[in-house]
C-alpha atoms as a PDB file:
ATOM      1  CA  GLN A   1     110.247 121.923  79.860  1.00  0.00           C
ATOM      2  CA  ARG A   2     111.685 119.067  77.808  1.00  0.00           C
ATOM      3  CA  ASP A   3     111.702 119.354  74.025  1.00  0.00           C
ATOM      4  CA  TRP A   4     110.665 116.022  72.470  1.00  0.00           C
ATOM      5  CA  SER A   5     110.509 117.406  68.931  1.00  0.00           C
ATOM      6  CA  ARG A   6     114.187 116.998  67.994  1.00  0.00           C
ATOM      7  CA  TRP A   7     115.901 114.060  66.297  1.00  0.00           C
ATOM      8  CA  CYS A   8     119.255 113.471  67.975  1.00  0.00           C
ATOM      9  CA  CYS A   9     121.764 110.828  66.963  1.00  0.00           C
ATOM     10  CA  VAL A  10     124.834 109.504  68.753  1.00  0.00           C
ATOM     11  CA  VAL A  11     127.361 107.650  66.597  1.00  0.00           C
ATOM     12  CA  ASP A  12     129.772 105.451  68.533  1.00  0.00           C
ATOM     13  CA  MET A  13     132.487 103.610  66.645  1.00  0.00           C
ATOM     14  CA  ASP A  14     132.862  99.964  67.618  1.00  0.00           C
ATOM     15  CA  MET A  15     136.110  99.213  69.551  1.00  0.00           C
ATOM     16  CA  PHE A  16     137.574 102.048  67.456  1.00  0.00           C
ATOM     17  CA  TYR A  17     141.318 101.837  68.078  1.00  0.00           C
ATOM     18  CA  ALA A  18     141.279  98.040  68.013  1.00  0.00           C
ATOM     19  CA  ALA A  19     139.107  98.019  64.886  1.00  0.00           C
ATOM     20  CA  VAL A  20     141.588 100.253  63.052  1.00  0.00           C
ATOM     21  CA  GLU A  21     144.494  97.983  63.992  1.00  0.00           C
ATOM     22  CA  ILE A  22     142.613  94.795  63.064  1.00  0.00           C
ATOM     23  CA  ARG A  23     141.548  96.274  59.729  1.00  0.00           C
ATOM     24  CA  ASP A  24     145.226  96.938  58.986  1.00  0.00           C
ATOM     25  CA  GLN A  25     146.332  93.556  60.369  1.00  0.00           C
ATOM     26  CA  PRO A  26     143.510  91.100  59.561  1.00  0.00           C
ATOM     27  CA  SER A  27     145.440  88.192  61.094  1.00  0.00           C
ATOM     28  CA  LEU A  28     144.557  89.658  64.515  1.00  0.00           C
ATOM     29  CA  ALA A  29     140.800  89.407  63.990  1.00  0.00           C
ATOM     30  CA  ALA A  30     140.273  86.073  65.761  1.00  0.00           C
ATOM     31  CA  LEU A  31     142.744  86.754  68.581  1.00  0.00           C
ATOM     32  CA  PRO A  32     142.308  88.595  71.885  1.00  0.00           C
ATOM     33  CA  VAL A  33     143.799  92.015  71.148  1.00  0.00           C
ATOM     34  CA  ALA A  34     144.420  95.027  73.352  1.00  0.00           C
ATOM     35  CA  VAL A  35     145.568  98.433  72.161  1.00  0.00           C
ATOM     36  CA  GLY A  36     148.072  99.847  74.614  1.00  0.00           C
ATOM     37  CA  GLY A  37     150.743  98.181  76.649  1.00  0.00           C
ATOM     38  CA  ILE A  38     151.596  96.300  79.800  1.00  0.00           C
ATOM     39  CA  GLY A  39     150.947  99.426  81.847  1.00  0.00           C
ATOM     40  CA  MET A  40     147.509 100.398  80.582  1.00  0.00           C
ATOM     41  CA  ILE A  41     145.040  99.371  77.880  1.00  0.00           C
ATOM     42  CA  CYS A  42     143.148 101.952  75.812  1.00  0.00           C
ATOM     43  CA  THR A  43     140.667  99.482  74.366  1.00  0.00           C
ATOM     44  CA  ALA A  44     140.280  95.821  73.469  1.00  0.00           C
ATOM     45  CA  ASN A  45     138.542  93.901  70.736  1.00  0.00           C
ATOM     46  CA  TYR A  46     135.417  91.859  71.406  1.00  0.00           C
ATOM     47  CA  VAL A  47     137.376  88.609  71.518  1.00  0.00           C
ATOM     48  CA  ALA A  48     139.486  89.962  74.391  1.00  0.00           C
ATOM     49  CA  ARG A  49     136.381  91.275  76.138  1.00  0.00           C
ATOM     50  CA  ARG A  50     135.011  87.745  76.300  1.00  0.00           C
ATOM     51  CA  TYR A  51     138.003  86.982  78.558  1.00  0.00           C
ATOM     52  CA  GLY A  52     137.120  89.917  80.793  1.00  0.00           C
ATOM     53  CA  VAL A  53     139.505  92.493  79.339  1.00  0.00           C
ATOM     54  CA  ARG A  54     138.215  96.064  79.521  1.00  0.00           C
ATOM     55  CA  SER A  55     139.318  99.559  78.541  1.00  0.00           C
ATOM     56  CA  ALA A  56     141.494 101.368  81.110  1.00  0.00           C
ATOM     57  CA  MET A  57     142.575  98.040  82.636  1.00  0.00           C
ATOM     58  CA  PRO A  58     146.252  97.633  83.532  1.00  0.00           C
ATOM     59  CA  GLY A  59     147.814  95.569  80.770  1.00  0.00           C
ATOM     60  CA  PHE A  60     149.587  93.146  83.090  1.00  0.00           C
ATOM     61  CA  ILE A  61     146.285  92.278  84.766  1.00  0.00           C
ATOM     62  CA  ALA A  62     144.582  91.778  81.399  1.00  0.00           C
ATOM     63  CA  GLN A  63     147.453  89.612  80.205  1.00  0.00           C
ATOM     64  CA  GLU A  64     147.265  87.369  83.260  1.00  0.00           C
ATOM     65  CA  LEU A  65     143.455  87.208  83.047  1.00  0.00           C
ATOM     66  CA  VAL A  66     143.593  85.931  79.467  1.00  0.00           C
ATOM     67  CA  ARG A  67     146.525  83.611  80.159  1.00  0.00           C
ATOM     68  CA  ARG A  68     144.670  81.890  83.002  1.00  0.00           C
ATOM     69  CA  GLN A  69     141.950  81.012  80.499  1.00  0.00           C
ATOM     70  CA  GLY A  70     144.384  79.331  78.137  1.00  0.00           C
ATOM     71  CA  ALA A  71     145.022  82.110  75.612  1.00  0.00           C
ATOM     72  CA  GLU A  72     147.540  84.873  75.039  1.00  0.00           C
ATOM     73  CA  LEU A  73     146.632  88.551  74.830  1.00  0.00           C
ATOM     74  CA  ARG A  74     148.181  90.368  71.887  1.00  0.00           C
ATOM     75  CA  PHE A  75     149.230  93.963  72.558  1.00  0.00           C
ATOM     76  CA  VAL A  76     149.283  96.546  69.759  1.00  0.00           C
ATOM     77  CA  PRO A  77     150.940  99.910  70.500  1.00  0.00           C
ATOM     78  CA  THR A  78     148.722 102.960  70.246  1.00  0.00           C
ATOM     79  CA  ASN A  79     148.978 105.093  67.100  1.00  0.00           C
ATOM     80  CA  PHE A  80     146.978 108.244  67.749  1.00  0.00           C
ATOM     81  CA  ALA A  81     148.024 109.874  64.492  1.00  0.00           C
ATOM     82  CA  LYS A  82     146.341 107.029  62.610  1.00  0.00           C
ATOM     83  CA  TYR A  83     143.212 107.111  64.792  1.00  0.00           C
ATOM     84  CA  THR A  84     142.944 110.876  64.424  1.00  0.00           C
ATOM     85  CA  ALA A  85     143.142 110.601  60.634  1.00  0.00           C
ATOM     86  CA  GLU A  86     140.368 107.978  60.626  1.00  0.00           C
ATOM     87  CA  ALA A  87     138.248 110.124  62.943  1.00  0.00           C
ATOM     88  CA  GLN A  88     138.530 112.991  60.483  1.00  0.00           C
ATOM     89  CA  VAL A  89     137.229 110.776  57.668  1.00  0.00           C
ATOM     90  CA  ILE A  90     134.282 109.790  59.865  1.00  0.00           C
ATOM     91  CA  ARG A  91     133.528 113.400  60.787  1.00  0.00           C
ATOM     92  CA  GLU A  92     133.493 114.413  57.134  1.00  0.00           C
ATOM     93  CA  VAL A  93     130.738 111.845  56.573  1.00  0.00           C
ATOM     94  CA  ILE A  94     128.802 112.930  59.669  1.00  0.00           C
ATOM     95  CA  ALA A  95     128.968 116.607  58.713  1.00  0.00           C
ATOM     96  CA  ASP A  96     126.667 115.914  55.753  1.00  0.00           C
ATOM     97  CA  TYR A  97     123.874 114.922  58.144  1.00  0.00           C
ATOM     98  CA  GLY A  98     123.680 117.930  60.448  1.00  0.00           C
ATOM     99  CA  HIS A  99     125.450 119.975  63.097  1.00  0.00           C
ATOM    100  CA  TYR A 100     127.600 117.731  65.264  1.00  0.00           C
ATOM    101  CA  GLU A 101     129.884 117.816  68.271  1.00  0.00           C
ATOM    102  CA  ALA A 102     132.679 115.331  68.907  1.00  0.00           C
ATOM    103  CA  HIS A 103     134.304 115.157  72.330  1.00  0.00           C
ATOM    104  CA  SER A 104     136.411 112.093  71.539  1.00  0.00           C
ATOM    105  CA  LEU A 105     137.812 110.423  68.439  1.00  0.00           C
ATOM    106  CA  ASP A 106     135.291 107.579  68.438  1.00  0.00           C
ATOM    107  CA  GLU A 107     131.999 109.312  69.198  1.00  0.00           C
ATOM    108  CA  ALA A 108     129.871 112.134  67.762  1.00  0.00           C
ATOM    109  CA  TYR A 109     126.583 113.804  68.657  1.00  0.00           C
ATOM    110  CA  ILE A 110     124.539 114.945  65.637  1.00  0.00           C
ATOM    111  CA  ASP A 111     121.284 116.890  65.417  1.00  0.00           C
ATOM    112  CA  ILE A 112     119.633 115.345  62.348  1.00  0.00           C
ATOM    113  CA  THR A 113     116.261 117.073  62.816  1.00  0.00           C
ATOM    114  CA  ASP A 114     116.279 119.222  59.668  1.00  0.00           C
ATOM    115  CA  LEU A 115     117.369 116.394  57.401  1.00  0.00           C
ATOM    116  CA  VAL A 116     114.824 114.019  58.946  1.00  0.00           C
ATOM    117  CA  ARG A 117     111.965 116.434  58.312  1.00  0.00           C
ATOM    118  CA  ASP A 118     113.122 117.120  54.768  1.00  0.00           C
ATOM    119  CA  ARG A 119     113.281 113.370  54.062  1.00  0.00           C
ATOM    120  CA  ALA A 120     109.846 112.820  55.624  1.00  0.00           C
ATOM    121  CA  ARG A 121     108.349 115.606  53.474  1.00  0.00           C
ATOM    122  CA  GLU A 122     109.899 114.089  50.367  1.00  0.00           C
ATOM    123  CA  GLY A 123     108.338 110.751  51.248  1.00  0.00           C
ATOM    124  CA  ARG A 124     104.913 112.295  51.712  1.00  0.00           C
ATOM    125  CA  ALA A 125     105.247 114.177  48.419  1.00  0.00           C
ATOM    126  CA  LYS A 126     106.004 110.921  46.587  1.00  0.00           C
ATOM    127  CA  ALA A 127     103.018 109.267  48.232  1.00  0.00           C
ATOM    128  CA  LEU A 128     100.800 112.166  47.129  1.00  0.00           C
ATOM    129  CA  GLY A 129     101.941 112.014  43.526  1.00  0.00           C
ATOM    130  CA  PRO A 130      99.555 109.300  42.228  1.00  0.00           C
ATOM    131  CA  GLN A 131      96.567 110.770  44.073  1.00  0.00           C
ATOM    132  CA  VAL A 132      97.128 114.278  42.716  1.00  0.00           C
ATOM    133  CA  ALA A 133      97.716 112.866  39.240  1.00  0.00           C
ATOM    134  CA  GLN A 134      94.303 111.169  39.392  1.00  0.00           C
ATOM    135  CA  GLY A 135      92.656 114.548  39.984  1.00  0.00           C
ATOM    136  CA  GLN A 136      92.236 114.465  43.743  1.00  0.00           C
ATOM    137  CA  ASP A 137      92.420 117.881  45.351  1.00  0.00           C
ATOM    138  CA  LYS A 138      95.958 118.349  46.718  1.00  0.00           C
ATOM    139  CA  ALA A 139      94.790 119.476  50.176  1.00  0.00           C
ATOM    140  CA  ALA A 140      92.501 116.446  50.403  1.00  0.00           C
ATOM    141  CA  ALA A 141      95.326 114.175  49.281  1.00  0.00           C
ATOM    142  CA  GLU A 142      97.612 115.622  51.948  1.00  0.00           C
ATOM    143  CA  ALA A 143      94.980 115.048  54.623  1.00  0.00           C
ATOM    144  CA  ALA A 144      94.469 111.472  53.463  1.00  0.00           C
ATOM    145  CA  ALA A 145      98.183 110.751  53.423  1.00  0.00           C
ATOM    146  CA  ALA A 146      98.657 112.273  56.865  1.00  0.00           C
ATOM    147  CA  ALA A 147      96.179 109.765  58.313  1.00  0.00           C
ATOM    148  CA  ALA A 148      97.235 106.894  56.109  1.00  0.00           C
ATOM    149  CA  PHE A 149      97.821 104.302  58.794  1.00  0.00           C
ATOM    150  CA  GLU A 150      94.915 102.918  60.806  1.00  0.00           C
ATOM    151  CA  GLY A 151      93.043 106.232  60.841  1.00  0.00           C
ATOM    152  CA  ALA A 152      95.761 107.852  62.937  1.00  0.00           C
ATOM    153  CA  ALA A 153      95.855 111.555  63.728  1.00  0.00           C
ATOM    154  CA  PRO A 154      97.964 113.700  61.361  1.00  0.00           C
ATOM    155  CA  GLU A 155     100.494 114.378  64.144  1.00  0.00           C
ATOM    156  CA  ALA A 156     101.000 110.643  64.646  1.00  0.00           C
ATOM    157  CA  ALA A 157     101.371 110.131  60.921  1.00  0.00           C
ATOM    158  CA  ASP A 158     104.022 112.846  60.793  1.00  0.00           C
ATOM    159  CA  ALA A 159     105.885 111.207  63.675  1.00  0.00           C
ATOM    160  CA  GLU A 160     105.734 107.836  61.898  1.00  0.00           C
ATOM    161  CA  ASP A 161     107.117 109.374  58.702  1.00  0.00           C
ATOM    162  CA  GLU A 162     109.896 111.121  60.601  1.00  0.00           C
ATOM    163  CA  ALA A 163     110.834 107.998  62.552  1.00  0.00           C
ATOM    164  CA  ARG A 164     111.128 106.070  59.300  1.00  0.00           C
ATOM    165  CA  ALA A 165     113.189 108.877  57.742  1.00  0.00           C
ATOM    166  CA  ALA A 166     115.499 109.053  60.773  1.00  0.00           C
ATOM    167  CA  ALA A 167     116.180 105.316  60.638  1.00  0.00           C
ATOM    168  CA  GLU A 168     116.897 105.468  56.903  1.00  0.00           C
ATOM    169  CA  LEU A 169     119.269 108.421  57.258  1.00  0.00           C
ATOM    170  CA  VAL A 170     121.242 106.874  60.097  1.00  0.00           C
ATOM    171  CA  ASP A 171     121.514 103.549  58.260  1.00  0.00           C
ATOM    172  CA  GLU A 172     122.858 105.475  55.261  1.00  0.00           C
ATOM    173  CA  MET A 173     125.343 107.326  57.470  1.00  0.00           C
ATOM    174  CA  ARG A 174     126.625 104.114  59.042  1.00  0.00           C
ATOM    175  CA  ALA A 175     126.994 102.495  55.618  1.00  0.00           C
ATOM    176  CA  MET A 176     128.911 105.515  54.322  1.00  0.00           C
ATOM    177  CA  ILE A 177     131.234 105.456  57.342  1.00  0.00           C
ATOM    178  CA  LYS A 178     131.963 101.783  56.688  1.00  0.00           C
ATOM    179  CA  GLU A 179     132.648 102.469  53.010  1.00  0.00           C
ATOM    180  CA  LYS A 180     134.877 105.500  53.565  1.00  0.00           C
ATOM    181  CA  THR A 181     136.932 103.827  56.304  1.00  0.00           C
ATOM    182  CA  ASN A 182     137.323 100.521  54.471  1.00  0.00           C
ATOM    183  CA  GLY A 183     135.305  98.457  56.878  1.00  0.00           C
ATOM    184  CA  LEU A 184     135.041 100.187  60.261  1.00  0.00           C
ATOM    185  CA  THR A 185     131.597  99.813  61.813  1.00  0.00           C
ATOM    186  CA  ALA A 186     129.598 102.261  63.901  1.00  0.00           C
ATOM    187  CA  SER A 187     126.698 101.795  66.274  1.00  0.00           C
ATOM    188  CA  ALA A 188     124.133 104.573  66.484  1.00  0.00           C
ATOM    189  CA  GLY A 189     121.205 105.611  68.619  1.00  0.00           C
ATOM    190  CA  ILE A 190     118.327 107.944  67.747  1.00  0.00           C
ATOM    191  CA  ALA A 191     116.168 109.725  70.325  1.00  0.00           C
ATOM    192  CA  PRO A 192     114.637 113.122  71.179  1.00  0.00           C
ATOM    193  CA  ASN A 193     117.719 113.999  73.261  1.00  0.00           C
ATOM    194  CA  PHE A 194     121.353 112.996  73.331  1.00  0.00           C
ATOM    195  CA  ALA A 195     121.236 111.216  76.698  1.00  0.00           C
ATOM    196  CA  LEU A 196     118.663 108.746  75.411  1.00  0.00           C
ATOM    197  CA  ALA A 197     120.425 108.493  72.035  1.00  0.00           C
ATOM    198  CA  LYS A 198     123.648 107.535  73.812  1.00  0.00           C
ATOM    199  CA  MET A 199     121.832 104.772  75.692  1.00  0.00           C
ATOM    200  CA  ALA A 200     120.330 103.553  72.418  1.00  0.00           C
ATOM    201  CA  ALA A 201     123.750 103.515  70.726  1.00  0.00           C
ATOM    202  CA  ASP A 202     125.061 101.219  73.467  1.00  0.00           C
ATOM    203  CA  GLU A 203     122.051  98.903  73.330  1.00  0.00           C
ATOM    204  CA  ASN A 204     122.872  96.869  70.223  1.00  0.00           C
ATOM    205  CA  LYS A 205     126.652  96.979  69.821  1.00  0.00           C
ATOM    206  CA  PRO A 206     128.513  96.156  67.692  1.00  0.00           C
ATOM    207  CA  ASN A 207     127.300  97.478  64.349  1.00  0.00           C
ATOM    208  CA  GLY A 208     123.793  98.178  65.594  1.00  0.00           C
END
C-alpha cells in the first residue's frame, strides 16, 4: 500500500559542473560551454544545449554540431575536487532540512516531513493567537482554523497548511544553497514519494 502522507523533496543542481566553472569564469556565461574534453562531455551549459549538446556526448561530435551552427564550443576540463567541495557545502545546507541521501554530487533526496509538519503547526498556532486572545475557547478556535478555507474538512485544511509549509521550506533551502555557494541555483520537486519529486524537479528547470 502506498504511503501518501510523506513530504519528499528532490534537489537537483542546475548544470552543476558547468555552473561552477561559469561562476568562477563569468566571461563564459554567454558562450556554449561543455565540461569535459574532445573525448567525452560530462555536462554542458544551457547555451550549449540550445545547439543540441548533451551530457555524455562525445566532445568531437558536440564541437562539430555547434560549429555547423556558426559558433564555437568552449571546453573546460573537469575538476572533481572543486565540484566535490561545492557538493559538501550544498549537503551541509540540506542536512538542516531532514534526513537525506545523495547518490551523485549534484542531486539529493530529502525527507522533509517532520519539518513541514512543525512549520504547519507553527502557522496554525499563529493563526489561533488572536482568536484565543479574544476569549474564544482554544478547542473551538482550533476547529475553526482547521476549516478556515471554504468550509473544508479539517484533513484538507491540514494538507493545505502542510503544502504551503513545504513550499516555503524548499524555497528557503534553495535560497540558502544559492547564498552559500555564491550563486549556484538548484531546482527542486516536492511530492509524496521520491519518484514523483524527481519528475517535479525536472519540470521547471533551471532554478525552479
